[in-house]
Amino acid sequence: MDRLYFRQVLAGRDTARTDMVARQMVNFQYLIGDRETGDAVVVDPAYDVAGLLELLAADDMRLSGVLVTHYHPDHIGGSFFGHTVAGLADLLDLASVPVHVQDAEGDGVIKVTGVSEGDLVRHDGGDTVMVGEIPITLLHTPGHTPGSQCFLCEGHLVAGDTLFLEGCGRVDLPGSDAEALYHSIHQTLAKVPDSAVLYPGHLYSADPSAPMSEVRESNFVYRLRSLDQWKMFMGG
């Protein structure tokens, strides 16, 4: 059995089954851990945080931290469009663990969720978070939000809303930056090997994941090879 524990969880199906907002938003959460030590982190806890802890317990894993891709409420809880989503603050009430964020995203996380500065561990791009003895590399990929980040762990790229199998994150929201997202996808993520498998923040495609080689071949964002083309198509 692999030492790496990796589980993709779809809100509205695997957890929060009766939550109509979760079923509509089709957010993924991820559980990543070290089977030998039993330590695990959750990426973007939202909707049914108790259900996420139950999944870990059923797999004989225990929560030791949280990784945040970005501060939007459908990923970490908060209020949007008249709905209140359970998330990070609710999870910390159940388990006191560090929350790993990009430095540029920290203030947004606090504002949206109500957690405190003391709950956060702020990072720069290129930092590593250890879960047990397994390293997770943090890739700062601004554009969708200023402090968006992706996580690379043993050939698994958890990309949040930076990159989907089809398309990429929106750049028409407060804090978005089309040019920054272009550089994040075409420069920062260019360092991720073709063999790595992309795991997005939403189920916006028929498949829940795909090798980067396939994504680079089929996703239209890779056909926009210049910044001028990108801005014409994406705006900004």
Protein backbone atom coordinates (compact mmCIF):
# COMPACT_ATOMS: atom_id res chain seq x y z
CA MET A 1 0.00 0.00 0.00
CA ASP A 2 1.17 3.51 -0.82
CA ARG A 3 2.39 5.53 2.15
CA LEU A 4 0.61 8.54 0.65
CA TYR A 5 -3.02 8.82 1.67
CA PHE A 6 -4.97 10.84 -0.90
CA ARG A 7 -8.74 11.12 -1.14
CA GLN A 8 -10.86 13.34 -3.37
CA VAL A 9 -14.19 14.25 -1.76
CA LEU A 10 -17.12 15.79 -3.66
CA ALA A 11 -19.41 17.95 -1.52
CA GLY A 12 -23.04 17.13 -2.21
CA ARG A 13 -22.19 13.51 -2.97
CA ASP A 14 -19.58 12.16 -0.53
CA THR A 15 -20.48 14.66 2.21
CA ALA A 16 -23.29 17.22 2.63
CA ARG A 17 -25.58 14.98 0.57
CA THR A 18 -28.74 16.93 1.44
CA ASP A 19 -27.19 20.40 1.01
CA MET A 20 -28.60 21.92 -2.17
CA VAL A 21 -25.90 24.61 -2.31
CA ALA A 22 -23.19 21.95 -2.11
CA ARG A 23 -24.88 19.93 -4.84
CA GLN A 24 -25.01 23.00 -7.07
CA MET A 25 -21.48 24.26 -6.43
CA VAL A 26 -19.80 20.81 -6.84
CA ASN A 27 -16.76 21.70 -4.74
CA PHE A 28 -14.02 19.18 -4.16
CA GLN A 29 -12.24 18.79 -0.86
CA TYR A 30 -9.06 16.75 -0.52
CA LEU A 31 -7.67 14.63 2.29
CA ILE A 32 -3.90 14.14 2.10
CA GLY A 33 -1.87 12.22 4.63
CA ASP A 34 0.83 9.81 5.71
CA ARG A 35 -0.57 6.33 6.29
CA GLU A 36 2.36 5.36 8.52
CA THR A 37 1.98 8.23 10.99
CA GLY A 38 -1.78 8.67 10.55
CA ASP A 39 -1.45 12.43 10.07
CA ALA A 40 -3.63 14.13 7.45
CA VAL A 41 -4.53 17.59 6.20
CA VAL A 42 -7.76 18.71 4.57
CA VAL A 43 -7.77 21.05 1.59
CA ASP A 44 -10.62 23.61 1.52
CA PRO A 45 -12.99 22.31 4.22
CA ALA A 46 -16.57 23.43 3.53
CA TYR A 47 -20.24 22.43 3.80
CA ASP A 48 -19.92 19.35 6.04
CA VAL A 49 -16.78 19.58 8.15
CA ALA A 50 -17.92 16.92 10.60
CA GLY A 51 -18.40 14.60 7.63
CA LEU A 52 -14.81 15.21 6.55
CA LEU A 53 -13.55 14.29 10.01
CA GLU A 54 -15.70 11.16 9.92
CA LEU A 55 -14.12 10.13 6.62
CA LEU A 56 -10.66 10.54 8.13
CA ALA A 57 -11.60 8.56 11.24
CA ALA A 58 -13.03 5.74 9.11
CA ASP A 59 -9.67 5.55 7.34
CA ASP A 60 -7.75 5.55 10.66
CA MET A 61 -6.36 9.01 9.97
CA ARG A 62 -6.35 12.11 12.20
CA LEU A 63 -6.46 15.75 11.21
CA SER A 64 -3.22 17.67 11.76
CA GLY A 65 -3.74 20.73 9.56
CA VAL A 66 -5.67 22.60 6.88
CA LEU A 67 -4.50 23.81 3.48
CA VAL A 68 -6.42 26.69 1.88
CA THR A 69 -6.34 27.24 -1.88
CA HIS A 70 -8.13 30.61 -1.65
CA TYR A 71 -10.57 32.57 0.47
CA HIS A 72 -13.88 32.22 -1.40
CA PRO A 73 -16.73 31.01 0.86
CA ASP A 74 -17.62 27.98 -1.26
CA HIS A 75 -14.14 26.64 -0.42
CA ILE A 76 -13.65 27.57 3.24
CA GLY A 77 -17.04 28.71 4.49
CA GLY A 78 -18.74 32.07 4.92
CA SER A 79 -21.65 33.88 3.32
CA PHE A 80 -22.34 34.41 -0.36
CA PHE A 81 -25.46 35.02 -2.47
CA GLY A 82 -27.62 34.90 0.65
CA HIS A 83 -26.32 31.50 1.76
CA THR A 84 -24.11 30.66 4.73
CA VAL A 85 -21.67 27.82 4.21
CA ALA A 86 -20.05 25.96 7.10
CA GLY A 87 -16.29 25.76 6.80
CA LEU A 88 -13.00 26.62 8.36
CA ALA A 89 -14.27 28.25 11.56
CA ASP A 90 -16.61 25.31 12.22
CA LEU A 91 -13.78 22.85 11.66
CA LEU A 92 -11.50 24.66 14.11
CA ASP A 93 -14.24 24.39 16.73
CA LEU A 94 -13.94 20.61 16.36
CA ALA A 95 -10.17 20.32 15.90
CA SER A 96 -7.56 22.93 16.77
CA VAL A 97 -5.05 22.65 13.93
CA PRO A 98 -2.88 25.11 11.97
CA VAL A 99 -4.30 26.63 8.78
CA HIS A 100 -1.76 27.06 5.99
CA VAL A 101 -2.38 30.02 3.66
CA GLN A 102 -0.39 32.11 1.23
CA ASP A 103 0.59 35.36 2.93
CA ALA A 104 -1.38 37.46 0.39
CA GLU A 105 -4.53 35.45 1.17
CA GLY A 106 -4.43 35.57 4.94
CA ASP A 107 -6.40 38.77 5.46
CA GLY A 108 -9.12 37.54 3.09
CA VAL A 109 -9.39 34.24 4.95
CA ILE A 110 -9.82 36.08 8.26
CA LYS A 111 -12.45 38.45 6.83
CA VAL A 112 -14.53 35.75 5.15
CA THR A 113 -14.43 33.09 7.88
CA GLY A 114 -13.90 35.01 11.11
CA VAL A 115 -10.92 32.91 12.19
CA SER A 116 -8.07 34.71 13.98
CA GLU A 117 -4.55 35.53 12.90
CA GLY A 118 -3.32 33.05 15.47
CA ASP A 119 -5.04 30.23 13.58
CA LEU A 120 -3.04 30.91 10.42
CA VAL A 121 0.41 29.93 9.24
CA ARG A 122 1.34 32.30 6.42
CA HIS A 123 3.55 31.05 3.59
CA ASP A 124 5.43 32.17 0.52
CA GLY A 125 5.39 30.32 -2.78
CA GLY A 126 7.79 27.39 -2.77
CA ASP A 127 7.35 26.61 0.92
CA THR A 128 6.83 23.02 2.00
CA VAL A 129 4.29 21.73 4.50
CA MET A 130 4.99 18.32 6.00
CA VAL A 131 2.13 15.94 6.74
CA GLY A 132 3.79 13.19 8.68
CA GLU A 133 6.90 12.55 6.61
CA ILE A 134 5.29 13.49 3.29
CA PRO A 135 6.13 16.90 1.79
CA ILE A 136 3.54 19.10 0.11
CA THR A 137 4.93 21.95 -2.00
CA LEU A 138 2.96 25.19 -2.02
CA LEU A 139 2.79 26.93 -5.39
CA HIS A 140 1.66 30.56 -5.28
CA THR A 141 -0.64 30.99 -8.29
CA PRO A 142 -2.31 34.42 -8.08
CA GLY A 143 -4.96 35.50 -10.54
CA HIS A 144 -8.29 34.10 -9.37
CA THR A 145 -7.44 35.73 -6.03
CA PRO A 146 -4.19 37.43 -4.92
CA GLY A 147 -3.07 34.56 -2.73
CA SER A 148 -4.42 31.54 -4.61
CA GLN A 149 -2.17 28.53 -4.24
CA CYS A 150 -1.86 24.99 -5.60
CA PHE A 151 -0.42 21.97 -3.82
CA LEU A 152 1.97 19.48 -5.40
CA CYS A 153 2.42 16.18 -3.60
CA GLU A 154 3.93 13.04 -5.13
CA GLY A 155 2.52 13.61 -8.59
CA HIS A 156 -0.82 15.03 -7.41
CA LEU A 157 -1.54 18.68 -8.26
CA VAL A 158 -4.43 20.08 -6.21
CA ALA A 159 -5.23 23.28 -8.08
CA GLY A 160 -8.23 24.89 -6.40
CA ASP A 161 -9.77 27.39 -8.82
CA THR A 162 -6.51 28.23 -10.57
CA LEU A 163 -6.87 25.54 -13.23
CA PHE A 164 -9.65 23.13 -14.16
CA LEU A 165 -9.60 20.25 -16.62
CA GLU A 166 -11.61 22.57 -18.86
CA GLY A 167 -10.90 26.28 -18.40
CA CYS A 168 -9.59 28.13 -15.38
CA GLY A 169 -10.75 30.35 -12.54
CA ARG A 170 -12.72 33.54 -13.11
CA VAL A 171 -10.89 36.84 -13.36
CA ASP A 172 -13.90 39.18 -13.06
CA LEU A 173 -14.21 39.01 -9.26
CA PRO A 174 -12.81 41.42 -6.65
CA GLY A 175 -9.09 40.76 -6.27
CA SER A 176 -8.85 38.88 -9.57
CA ASP A 177 -6.04 39.67 -12.00
CA ALA A 178 -6.13 38.25 -15.53
CA GLU A 179 -2.45 38.91 -16.22
CA ALA A 180 -1.39 37.26 -12.97
CA LEU A 181 -3.44 34.17 -13.78
CA TYR A 182 -1.84 33.96 -17.22
CA HIS A 183 1.62 33.89 -15.63
CA SER A 184 0.49 31.41 -12.96
CA ILE A 185 -0.74 28.94 -15.57
CA HIS A 186 1.90 29.45 -18.24
CA GLN A 187 4.93 29.95 -16.00
CA THR A 188 4.48 28.68 -12.44
CA LEU A 189 2.46 25.59 -13.37
CA ALA A 190 4.70 24.99 -16.40
CA LYS A 191 7.15 23.48 -13.91
CA VAL A 192 4.66 20.73 -13.04
CA PRO A 193 5.49 17.59 -15.05
CA ASP A 194 3.14 16.14 -17.65
CA SER A 195 2.89 12.98 -15.58
CA ALA A 196 1.34 14.81 -12.62
CA VAL A 197 -2.43 14.44 -12.24
CA LEU A 198 -4.56 17.57 -11.95
CA TYR A 199 -7.19 17.59 -9.21
CA PRO A 200 -9.36 20.74 -9.53
CA GLY A 201 -11.46 22.66 -7.01
CA HIS A 202 -14.79 21.88 -8.75
CA LEU A 203 -16.29 19.11 -10.84
CA TYR A 204 -16.66 21.25 -13.97
CA SER A 205 -15.87 18.43 -16.42
CA ALA A 206 -16.90 14.86 -17.08
CA ASP A 207 -13.81 13.50 -15.35
CA PRO A 208 -12.75 14.44 -11.81
CA SER A 209 -9.03 14.45 -12.63
CA ALA A 210 -6.62 14.03 -15.53
CA PRO A 211 -2.88 13.95 -16.25
CA MET A 212 -1.38 17.35 -16.96
CA SER A 213 -0.31 16.07 -20.37
CA GLU A 214 -3.99 15.66 -21.32
CA VAL A 215 -5.00 18.98 -19.77
CA ARG A 216 -2.29 20.80 -21.70
CA GLU A 217 -3.48 19.15 -24.88
CA SER A 218 -7.23 19.72 -24.47
CA ASN A 219 -7.77 22.76 -22.25
CA PHE A 220 -8.35 25.92 -24.31
CA VAL A 221 -6.28 28.05 -21.91
CA TYR A 222 -3.15 26.45 -23.36
CA ARG A 223 -4.07 27.64 -26.82
CA LEU A 224 -3.83 31.25 -25.64
CA ARG A 225 -0.07 31.40 -25.96
CA SER A 226 0.50 35.14 -25.60
CA LEU A 227 -0.59 37.60 -22.95
CA ASP A 228 -2.34 39.70 -25.60
CA GLN A 229 -4.40 36.70 -26.75
CA TRP A 230 -5.18 35.90 -23.13
CA LYS A 231 -6.42 39.40 -22.35
CA MET A 232 -8.55 39.50 -25.48
CA PHE A 233 -10.27 36.26 -24.48
CA MET A 234 -10.32 36.57 -20.66
CA GLY A 235 -10.53 40.32 -20.28
CA GLY A 236 -8.35 42.43 -18.04
